[in-house]
Amino acid sequence: MPFGKVYPCLVAKAERKGRSREEVDTLTSWLTGYPADEIHCMETDGTTYGEVMASPYWSEDGEKIRGSICGVRVETIEDPFMRRVRELDKVIDELAKGKSTETIMAGKERG
């Protein structure tokens, strides 16, 4: 699936709750290791969601992400690809629920 189809959904999820694209970009950059300008390019250049999830720069902090997203406990997911998908979804969900990017990246109040 093209990253350009999935990422706008994550942005829209945050924006519906009064958050900004810049905040989504910040969290996505922090987790994937890609700078925001590269994320923007990947939205239009045909990069797949799988290619983004396979980032060699993925933050080790991703392993610390805990809690449920869509009824699934992130920390119990064994498949590395699905784990990364849920990690990104979880941090965007936390943003949409009102947590600051700083709090999310610091791992405070996670769960």
N, C-alpha and C. Protein backbone atom coordinates (compact mmCIF):
# COMPACT_ATOMS: atom_id res chain seq x y z
N MET A 1 0.85 -1.17 0.00
CA MET A 1 0.00 0.00 0.00
C MET A 1 0.90 1.24 0.00
N PRO A 2 0.55 2.24 -0.80
CA PRO A 2 1.37 3.46 -0.84
C PRO A 2 1.32 4.23 0.48
N PHE A 3 2.48 4.69 0.90
CA PHE A 3 2.58 5.52 2.09
C PHE A 3 1.69 6.76 1.94
N GLY A 4 1.60 7.26 0.71
CA GLY A 4 0.78 8.44 0.42
C GLY A 4 -0.71 8.24 0.64
N LYS A 5 -1.15 7.02 0.80
CA LYS A 5 -2.57 6.76 1.11
C LYS A 5 -2.78 6.61 2.61
N VAL A 6 -1.78 6.11 3.32
CA VAL A 6 -1.91 5.84 4.75
C VAL A 6 -1.60 7.08 5.59
N TYR A 7 -0.52 7.76 5.26
CA TYR A 7 -0.07 8.87 6.10
C TYR A 7 -1.12 9.98 6.23
N PRO A 8 -1.80 10.36 5.16
CA PRO A 8 -2.84 11.38 5.32
C PRO A 8 -3.94 10.97 6.31
N CYS A 9 -4.18 9.68 6.45
CA CYS A 9 -5.17 9.21 7.43
C CYS A 9 -4.67 9.44 8.85
N LEU A 10 -3.38 9.25 9.08
CA LEU A 10 -2.81 9.52 10.40
C LEU A 10 -2.88 11.01 10.71
N VAL A 11 -2.57 11.83 9.70
CA VAL A 11 -2.64 13.29 9.87
C VAL A 11 -4.07 13.70 10.17
N ALA A 12 -5.02 13.17 9.41
CA ALA A 12 -6.44 13.52 9.61
C ALA A 12 -6.92 13.11 11.00
N LYS A 13 -6.48 11.96 11.48
CA LYS A 13 -6.85 11.49 12.81
C LYS A 13 -6.44 12.53 13.86
N ALA A 14 -5.24 13.05 13.74
CA ALA A 14 -4.74 14.05 14.69
C ALA A 14 -5.45 15.39 14.49
N GLU A 15 -5.64 15.80 13.26
CA GLU A 15 -6.26 17.10 12.98
C GLU A 15 -7.71 17.15 13.45
N ARG A 16 -8.42 16.02 13.39
CA ARG A 16 -9.80 15.99 13.89
C ARG A 16 -9.88 16.35 15.36
N LYS A 17 -8.79 16.12 16.07
CA LYS A 17 -8.73 16.41 17.51
C LYS A 17 -7.98 17.71 17.81
N GLY A 18 -7.80 18.54 16.78
CA GLY A 18 -7.18 19.84 16.98
C GLY A 18 -5.66 19.84 16.99
N ARG A 19 -5.05 18.76 16.56
CA ARG A 19 -3.59 18.70 16.50
C ARG A 19 -3.13 19.03 15.09
N SER A 20 -1.84 19.22 14.90
CA SER A 20 -1.34 19.68 13.61
C SER A 20 -0.55 18.60 12.86
N ARG A 21 -0.44 18.82 11.56
CA ARG A 21 0.38 17.95 10.72
C ARG A 21 1.83 17.99 11.20
N GLU A 22 2.28 19.17 11.63
CA GLU A 22 3.66 19.30 12.10
C GLU A 22 3.93 18.38 13.29
N GLU A 23 2.94 18.25 14.18
CA GLU A 23 3.10 17.36 15.33
C GLU A 23 3.18 15.90 14.88
N VAL A 24 2.34 15.54 13.90
CA VAL A 24 2.38 14.18 13.36
C VAL A 24 3.74 13.94 12.69
N ASP A 25 4.21 14.93 11.93
CA ASP A 25 5.52 14.82 11.29
C ASP A 25 6.63 14.63 12.33
N THR A 26 6.55 15.39 13.42
CA THR A 26 7.56 15.31 14.48
C THR A 26 7.61 13.90 15.06
N LEU A 27 6.45 13.35 15.39
CA LEU A 27 6.40 12.01 15.97
C LEU A 27 6.83 10.94 14.97
N THR A 28 6.42 11.11 13.72
CA THR A 28 6.79 10.15 12.69
C THR A 28 8.30 10.18 12.45
N SER A 29 8.86 11.37 12.43
CA SER A 29 10.32 11.51 12.27
C SER A 29 11.06 10.87 13.43
N TRP A 30 10.57 11.13 14.64
CA TRP A 30 11.20 10.58 15.84
C TRP A 30 11.20 9.05 15.80
N LEU A 31 10.08 8.47 15.39
CA LEU A 31 9.96 7.01 15.42
C LEU A 31 10.66 6.34 14.24
N THR A 32 10.48 6.89 13.03
CA THR A 32 11.05 6.25 11.84
C THR A 32 12.50 6.62 11.58
N GLY A 33 12.92 7.77 12.09
CA GLY A 33 14.27 8.26 11.83
C GLY A 33 14.39 9.06 10.55
N TYR A 34 13.29 9.19 9.80
CA TYR A 34 13.31 9.99 8.58
C TYR A 34 12.97 11.44 8.90
N PRO A 35 13.69 12.41 8.32
CA PRO A 35 13.34 13.81 8.54
C PRO A 35 12.00 14.14 7.88
N ALA A 36 11.35 15.18 8.38
CA ALA A 36 10.02 15.56 7.89
C ALA A 36 10.00 15.79 6.38
N ASP A 37 11.04 16.42 5.83
CA ASP A 37 11.03 16.68 4.39
C ASP A 37 11.08 15.38 3.59
N GLU A 38 11.76 14.38 4.11
CA GLU A 38 11.80 13.09 3.44
C GLU A 38 10.45 12.38 3.56
N ILE A 39 9.80 12.53 4.69
CA ILE A 39 8.46 11.96 4.87
C ILE A 39 7.51 12.57 3.84
N HIS A 40 7.59 13.87 3.65
CA HIS A 40 6.73 14.54 2.67
C HIS A 40 7.01 14.02 1.27
N CYS A 41 8.28 13.80 0.92
CA CYS A 41 8.63 13.25 -0.39
C CYS A 41 8.08 11.84 -0.56
N MET A 42 8.17 11.04 0.49
CA MET A 42 7.70 9.65 0.41
C MET A 42 6.19 9.58 0.21
N GLU A 43 5.48 10.63 0.58
CA GLU A 43 4.03 10.65 0.36
C GLU A 43 3.68 10.70 -1.12
N THR A 44 4.58 11.22 -1.93
CA THR A 44 4.26 11.42 -3.34
C THR A 44 5.13 10.61 -4.31
N ASP A 45 6.18 9.97 -3.82
CA ASP A 45 7.11 9.32 -4.74
C ASP A 45 6.86 7.82 -4.95
N GLY A 46 5.76 7.31 -4.41
CA GLY A 46 5.44 5.90 -4.60
C GLY A 46 6.01 4.98 -3.54
N THR A 47 6.65 5.53 -2.53
CA THR A 47 7.16 4.71 -1.43
C THR A 47 6.01 3.96 -0.78
N THR A 48 6.22 2.70 -0.48
CA THR A 48 5.16 1.92 0.16
C THR A 48 5.22 2.09 1.68
N TYR A 49 4.10 1.79 2.31
CA TYR A 49 4.04 1.86 3.77
C TYR A 49 5.04 0.85 4.36
N GLY A 50 5.15 -0.29 3.71
CA GLY A 50 6.10 -1.31 4.16
C GLY A 50 7.53 -0.82 4.12
N GLU A 51 7.88 -0.06 3.10
CA GLU A 51 9.24 0.48 3.01
C GLU A 51 9.52 1.46 4.15
N VAL A 52 8.52 2.25 4.52
CA VAL A 52 8.70 3.18 5.63
C VAL A 52 8.85 2.40 6.93
N MET A 53 8.03 1.37 7.11
CA MET A 53 8.09 0.57 8.34
C MET A 53 9.40 -0.20 8.44
N ALA A 54 10.06 -0.43 7.32
CA ALA A 54 11.33 -1.16 7.30
C ALA A 54 12.53 -0.22 7.51
N SER A 55 12.28 0.99 7.93
CA SER A 55 13.34 1.98 8.12
C SER A 55 14.50 1.41 8.93
N PRO A 56 15.71 1.57 8.43
CA PRO A 56 16.87 1.12 9.21
C PRO A 56 17.18 2.06 10.37
N TYR A 57 16.48 3.17 10.42
CA TYR A 57 16.72 4.19 11.45
C TYR A 57 15.67 4.17 12.55
N TRP A 58 14.80 3.16 12.57
CA TRP A 58 13.69 3.10 13.52
C TRP A 58 14.20 3.29 14.95
N SER A 59 13.51 4.12 15.69
CA SER A 59 13.93 4.44 17.05
C SER A 59 13.84 3.23 17.97
N GLU A 60 14.87 3.05 18.77
CA GLU A 60 14.85 1.98 19.77
C GLU A 60 13.77 2.25 20.81
N ASP A 61 13.33 3.51 20.92
CA ASP A 61 12.26 3.85 21.85
C ASP A 61 10.94 3.20 21.46
N GLY A 62 10.83 2.75 20.22
CA GLY A 62 9.62 2.07 19.79
C GLY A 62 9.31 0.85 20.64
N GLU A 63 10.37 0.20 21.11
CA GLU A 63 10.20 -0.99 21.95
C GLU A 63 9.56 -0.67 23.29
N LYS A 64 9.61 0.59 23.69
CA LYS A 64 9.05 1.01 24.98
C LYS A 64 7.57 1.37 24.89
N ILE A 65 7.04 1.42 23.68
CA ILE A 65 5.64 1.80 23.50
C ILE A 65 4.75 0.67 23.99
N ARG A 66 3.84 1.01 24.87
CA ARG A 66 2.93 0.05 25.49
C ARG A 66 1.51 0.56 25.34
N GLY A 67 0.57 -0.34 25.53
CA GLY A 67 -0.83 0.04 25.52
C GLY A 67 -1.58 -0.59 24.36
N SER A 68 -2.86 -0.31 24.31
CA SER A 68 -3.73 -0.89 23.29
C SER A 68 -4.04 0.09 22.18
N ILE A 69 -4.12 -0.44 20.99
CA ILE A 69 -4.58 0.32 19.84
C ILE A 69 -5.46 -0.63 19.04
N CYS A 70 -6.69 -0.23 18.81
CA CYS A 70 -7.67 -1.07 18.12
C CYS A 70 -7.83 -2.42 18.82
N GLY A 71 -7.77 -2.41 20.15
CA GLY A 71 -7.97 -3.62 20.93
C GLY A 71 -6.79 -4.57 20.98
N VAL A 72 -5.66 -4.15 20.45
CA VAL A 72 -4.47 -5.00 20.43
C VAL A 72 -3.39 -4.37 21.30
N ARG A 73 -2.82 -5.15 22.21
CA ARG A 73 -1.72 -4.66 23.05
C ARG A 73 -0.45 -4.61 22.21
N VAL A 74 0.08 -3.42 22.04
CA VAL A 74 1.25 -3.22 21.19
C VAL A 74 2.42 -4.11 21.61
N GLU A 75 2.66 -4.19 22.91
CA GLU A 75 3.82 -4.93 23.40
C GLU A 75 3.73 -6.44 23.18
N THR A 76 2.56 -6.95 22.81
CA THR A 76 2.41 -8.39 22.58
C THR A 76 2.54 -8.79 21.12
N ILE A 77 2.67 -7.82 20.24
CA ILE A 77 2.75 -8.11 18.81
C ILE A 77 4.14 -8.65 18.48
N GLU A 78 4.19 -9.84 17.92
CA GLU A 78 5.46 -10.48 17.62
C GLU A 78 5.99 -10.17 16.23
N ASP A 79 5.10 -9.97 15.26
CA ASP A 79 5.53 -9.67 13.90
C ASP A 79 6.15 -8.27 13.87
N PRO A 80 7.42 -8.14 13.48
CA PRO A 80 8.09 -6.84 13.51
C PRO A 80 7.41 -5.76 12.67
N PHE A 81 6.90 -6.14 11.50
CA PHE A 81 6.21 -5.17 10.65
C PHE A 81 4.95 -4.66 11.33
N MET A 82 4.12 -5.57 11.81
CA MET A 82 2.87 -5.16 12.46
C MET A 82 3.14 -4.40 13.74
N ARG A 83 4.19 -4.76 14.44
CA ARG A 83 4.56 -4.04 15.67
C ARG A 83 4.86 -2.57 15.34
N ARG A 84 5.63 -2.34 14.29
CA ARG A 84 5.96 -0.97 13.90
C ARG A 84 4.72 -0.20 13.43
N VAL A 85 3.86 -0.86 12.69
CA VAL A 85 2.62 -0.22 12.26
C VAL A 85 1.83 0.25 13.47
N ARG A 86 1.69 -0.61 14.46
CA ARG A 86 0.93 -0.28 15.67
C ARG A 86 1.65 0.75 16.54
N GLU A 87 2.98 0.72 16.56
CA GLU A 87 3.72 1.72 17.33
C GLU A 87 3.43 3.12 16.79
N LEU A 88 3.50 3.27 15.48
CA LEU A 88 3.22 4.58 14.89
C LEU A 88 1.78 4.98 15.14
N ASP A 89 0.86 4.06 14.96
CA ASP A 89 -0.55 4.34 15.20
C ASP A 89 -0.78 4.74 16.66
N LYS A 90 -0.10 4.07 17.57
CA LYS A 90 -0.27 4.35 19.00
C LYS A 90 0.21 5.75 19.36
N VAL A 91 1.37 6.17 18.85
CA VAL A 91 1.84 7.51 19.21
C VAL A 91 0.95 8.59 18.61
N ILE A 92 0.40 8.35 17.42
CA ILE A 92 -0.53 9.32 16.83
C ILE A 92 -1.83 9.33 17.63
N ASP A 93 -2.26 8.17 18.10
CA ASP A 93 -3.45 8.09 18.95
C ASP A 93 -3.24 8.87 20.25
N GLU A 94 -2.06 8.74 20.86
CA GLU A 94 -1.77 9.49 22.08
C GLU A 94 -1.79 10.99 21.81
N LEU A 95 -1.26 11.40 20.66
CA LEU A 95 -1.30 12.81 20.27
C LEU A 95 -2.74 13.28 20.15
N ALA A 96 -3.56 12.49 19.47
CA ALA A 96 -4.97 12.85 19.28
C ALA A 96 -5.73 12.91 20.60
N LYS A 97 -5.26 12.17 21.59
CA LYS A 97 -5.91 12.18 22.91
C LYS A 97 -5.43 13.32 23.79
N GLY A 98 -4.54 14.17 23.25
CA GLY A 98 -4.15 15.37 23.97
C GLY A 98 -2.77 15.40 24.56
N LYS A 99 -2.01 14.33 24.43
CA LYS A 99 -0.65 14.33 24.98
C LYS A 99 0.27 15.15 24.07
N SER A 100 1.23 15.80 24.66
CA SER A 100 2.18 16.60 23.88
C SER A 100 3.20 15.69 23.20
N THR A 101 3.80 16.20 22.14
CA THR A 101 4.84 15.42 21.46
C THR A 101 6.00 15.14 22.41
N GLU A 102 6.32 16.11 23.26
CA GLU A 102 7.42 15.94 24.21
C GLU A 102 7.13 14.80 25.19
N THR A 103 5.90 14.76 25.70
CA THR A 103 5.51 13.70 26.63
C THR A 103 5.56 12.34 25.96
N ILE A 104 5.06 12.27 24.74
CA ILE A 104 5.04 11.00 24.01
C ILE A 104 6.46 10.52 23.76
N MET A 105 7.32 11.41 23.29
CA MET A 105 8.70 11.01 22.97
C MET A 105 9.50 10.66 24.22
N ALA A 106 9.12 11.24 25.35
CA ALA A 106 9.81 10.93 26.60
C ALA A 106 9.31 9.63 27.21
N GLY A 107 8.17 9.13 26.70
CA GLY A 107 7.62 7.88 27.21
C GLY A 107 6.82 8.03 28.47
N LYS A 108 6.50 9.25 28.85
CA LYS A 108 5.73 9.49 30.07
C LYS A 108 4.25 9.26 29.78
N GLU A 109 3.54 8.81 30.78
CA GLU A 109 2.09 8.61 30.70
C GLU A 109 1.70 7.71 29.55
N ARG A 110 2.55 6.78 29.19
CA ARG A 110 2.24 5.90 28.07
C ARG A 110 1.41 4.73 28.58
N GLY A 111 0.46 4.32 27.73
CA GLY A 111 -0.28 3.12 28.09
C GLY A 111 -1.71 3.17 27.86
